[in-house]
Amino acid sequence: MELNNARKVSSAAVSAFGLVGGYLVARETGIRPLGGVVLAAAGIYAGRTWKETSGPATTAVLGGTYIGAFGASHPLAKKIGAWPAIAAVTAATSGLSYALVDSKN
């Protein structure tokens, strides 16, 4: 098995998949750690593109944003609902990923 070239991967799409997919897996299976596995795997895969394309400083910012979005979605969900919260943090995270990394490829 061989991974795609890191510079050709859409990190915005991968980070969106991690946040939405992780939530969906956790919700549908009832196994929250399994959702965390999806979230972590996508974050690592997107991080590979962030580092290759934009370096360690941008990777740190985007990694922090990705983890922060996951954390922020929980209290936000109590205020506006689960799906709107996931949509909001995913849009912010993937938008930033696109702006800082993907738009430069």
Protein backbone atom coordinates (compact mmCIF):
# COMPACT_ATOMS: atom_id res chain seq x y z
CA MET A 1 0.00 0.00 0.00
CA GLU A 2 1.29 3.42 -0.94
CA LEU A 3 -0.04 6.81 0.16
CA ASN A 4 -0.71 9.56 -2.34
CA ASN A 5 1.88 12.30 -2.68
CA ALA A 6 1.28 14.60 0.31
CA ARG A 7 1.26 17.70 -1.90
CA LYS A 8 -1.63 16.30 -3.96
CA VAL A 9 -3.94 15.52 -1.02
CA SER A 10 -6.76 17.98 -0.26
CA SER A 11 -6.12 18.61 3.42
CA ALA A 12 -9.35 20.60 3.72
CA ALA A 13 -11.38 17.60 2.56
CA VAL A 14 -9.46 15.20 4.79
CA SER A 15 -9.88 17.39 7.88
CA ALA A 16 -13.60 17.79 7.11
CA PHE A 17 -13.89 14.02 6.77
CA GLY A 18 -12.16 13.55 10.13
CA LEU A 19 -14.47 15.87 12.02
CA VAL A 20 -17.74 14.83 10.37
CA GLY A 21 -16.77 11.17 9.99
CA GLY A 22 -15.49 10.89 13.54
CA TYR A 23 -18.70 12.33 14.91
CA LEU A 24 -20.85 10.12 12.70
CA VAL A 25 -18.95 6.93 13.57
CA ALA A 26 -19.17 7.69 17.30
CA ARG A 27 -22.87 8.51 17.08
CA GLU A 28 -23.89 5.56 14.94
CA THR A 29 -21.84 2.91 16.73
CA GLY A 30 -22.22 4.29 20.23
CA ILE A 31 -18.47 3.74 20.63
CA ARG A 32 -16.95 7.18 21.17
CA PRO A 33 -13.32 5.98 21.04
CA LEU A 34 -13.97 4.56 17.58
CA GLY A 35 -14.98 8.02 16.42
CA GLY A 36 -11.75 9.26 17.97
CA VAL A 37 -9.80 6.79 15.85
CA VAL A 38 -11.38 8.21 12.70
CA LEU A 39 -10.68 11.76 13.91
CA ALA A 40 -7.05 10.94 14.73
CA ALA A 41 -6.35 9.05 11.50
CA ALA A 42 -7.69 11.88 9.35
CA GLY A 43 -5.80 14.45 11.41
CA ILE A 44 -2.54 12.59 10.95
CA TYR A 45 -3.15 12.20 7.22
CA ALA A 46 -4.02 15.90 6.80
CA GLY A 47 -1.04 16.81 8.98
CA ARG A 48 1.24 15.05 6.56
CA THR A 49 0.07 17.41 3.82
CA TRP A 50 0.26 20.46 6.08
CA LYS A 51 3.87 19.70 6.99
CA GLU A 52 4.99 18.84 3.48
CA THR A 53 3.35 21.87 1.91
CA SER A 54 3.64 24.61 4.51
CA GLY A 55 6.11 23.52 7.18
CA PRO A 56 5.99 22.84 10.89
CA ALA A 57 4.65 26.22 12.08
CA THR A 58 1.56 26.03 9.87
CA THR A 59 1.17 22.36 10.80
CA ALA A 60 1.15 23.32 14.48
CA VAL A 61 -1.48 26.02 13.89
CA LEU A 62 -3.71 23.73 11.84
CA GLY A 63 -3.22 20.78 14.17
CA GLY A 64 -4.19 22.96 17.12
CA THR A 65 -7.20 24.25 15.20
CA TYR A 66 -8.26 20.71 14.31
CA ILE A 67 -8.02 19.46 17.90
CA GLY A 68 -9.56 22.69 19.18
CA ALA A 69 -12.48 22.31 16.80
CA PHE A 70 -13.15 18.85 18.16
CA GLY A 71 -13.09 20.20 21.71
CA ALA A 72 -15.19 23.26 20.86
CA SER A 73 -17.86 21.20 19.13
CA HIS A 74 -18.99 19.65 22.42
CA PRO A 75 -20.02 22.81 24.30
CA LEU A 76 -21.23 24.38 21.05
CA ALA A 77 -23.49 21.36 20.47
CA LYS A 78 -25.23 22.05 23.78
CA LYS A 79 -26.08 25.55 22.55
CA ILE A 80 -26.98 25.04 18.88
CA GLY A 81 -27.31 21.27 18.40
CA ALA A 82 -24.91 18.55 17.33
CA TRP A 83 -25.05 18.80 13.54
CA PRO A 84 -24.92 22.62 13.42
CA ALA A 85 -21.94 22.53 15.79
CA ILE A 86 -20.13 19.94 13.68
CA ALA A 87 -20.89 21.96 10.54
CA ALA A 88 -19.57 25.17 12.09
CA VAL A 89 -16.28 23.78 13.40
CA THR A 90 -15.75 21.76 10.22
CA ALA A 91 -16.29 24.80 8.01
CA ALA A 92 -13.86 26.86 10.08
CA THR A 93 -11.19 24.16 10.19
CA SER A 94 -11.37 23.07 6.59
CA GLY A 95 -11.60 26.69 5.42
CA LEU A 96 -8.42 27.56 7.27
CA SER A 97 -6.73 24.44 5.93
CA TYR A 98 -7.70 25.42 2.41
CA ALA A 99 -6.54 29.01 2.85
CA LEU A 100 -3.17 28.15 4.42
CA VAL A 101 -2.28 25.00 2.49
CA ASP A 102 -4.49 23.74 -0.33
CA SER A 103 -4.83 27.06 -2.16
CA LYS A 104 -1.05 27.13 -2.57
CA ASN A 105 -0.90 23.83 -4.45
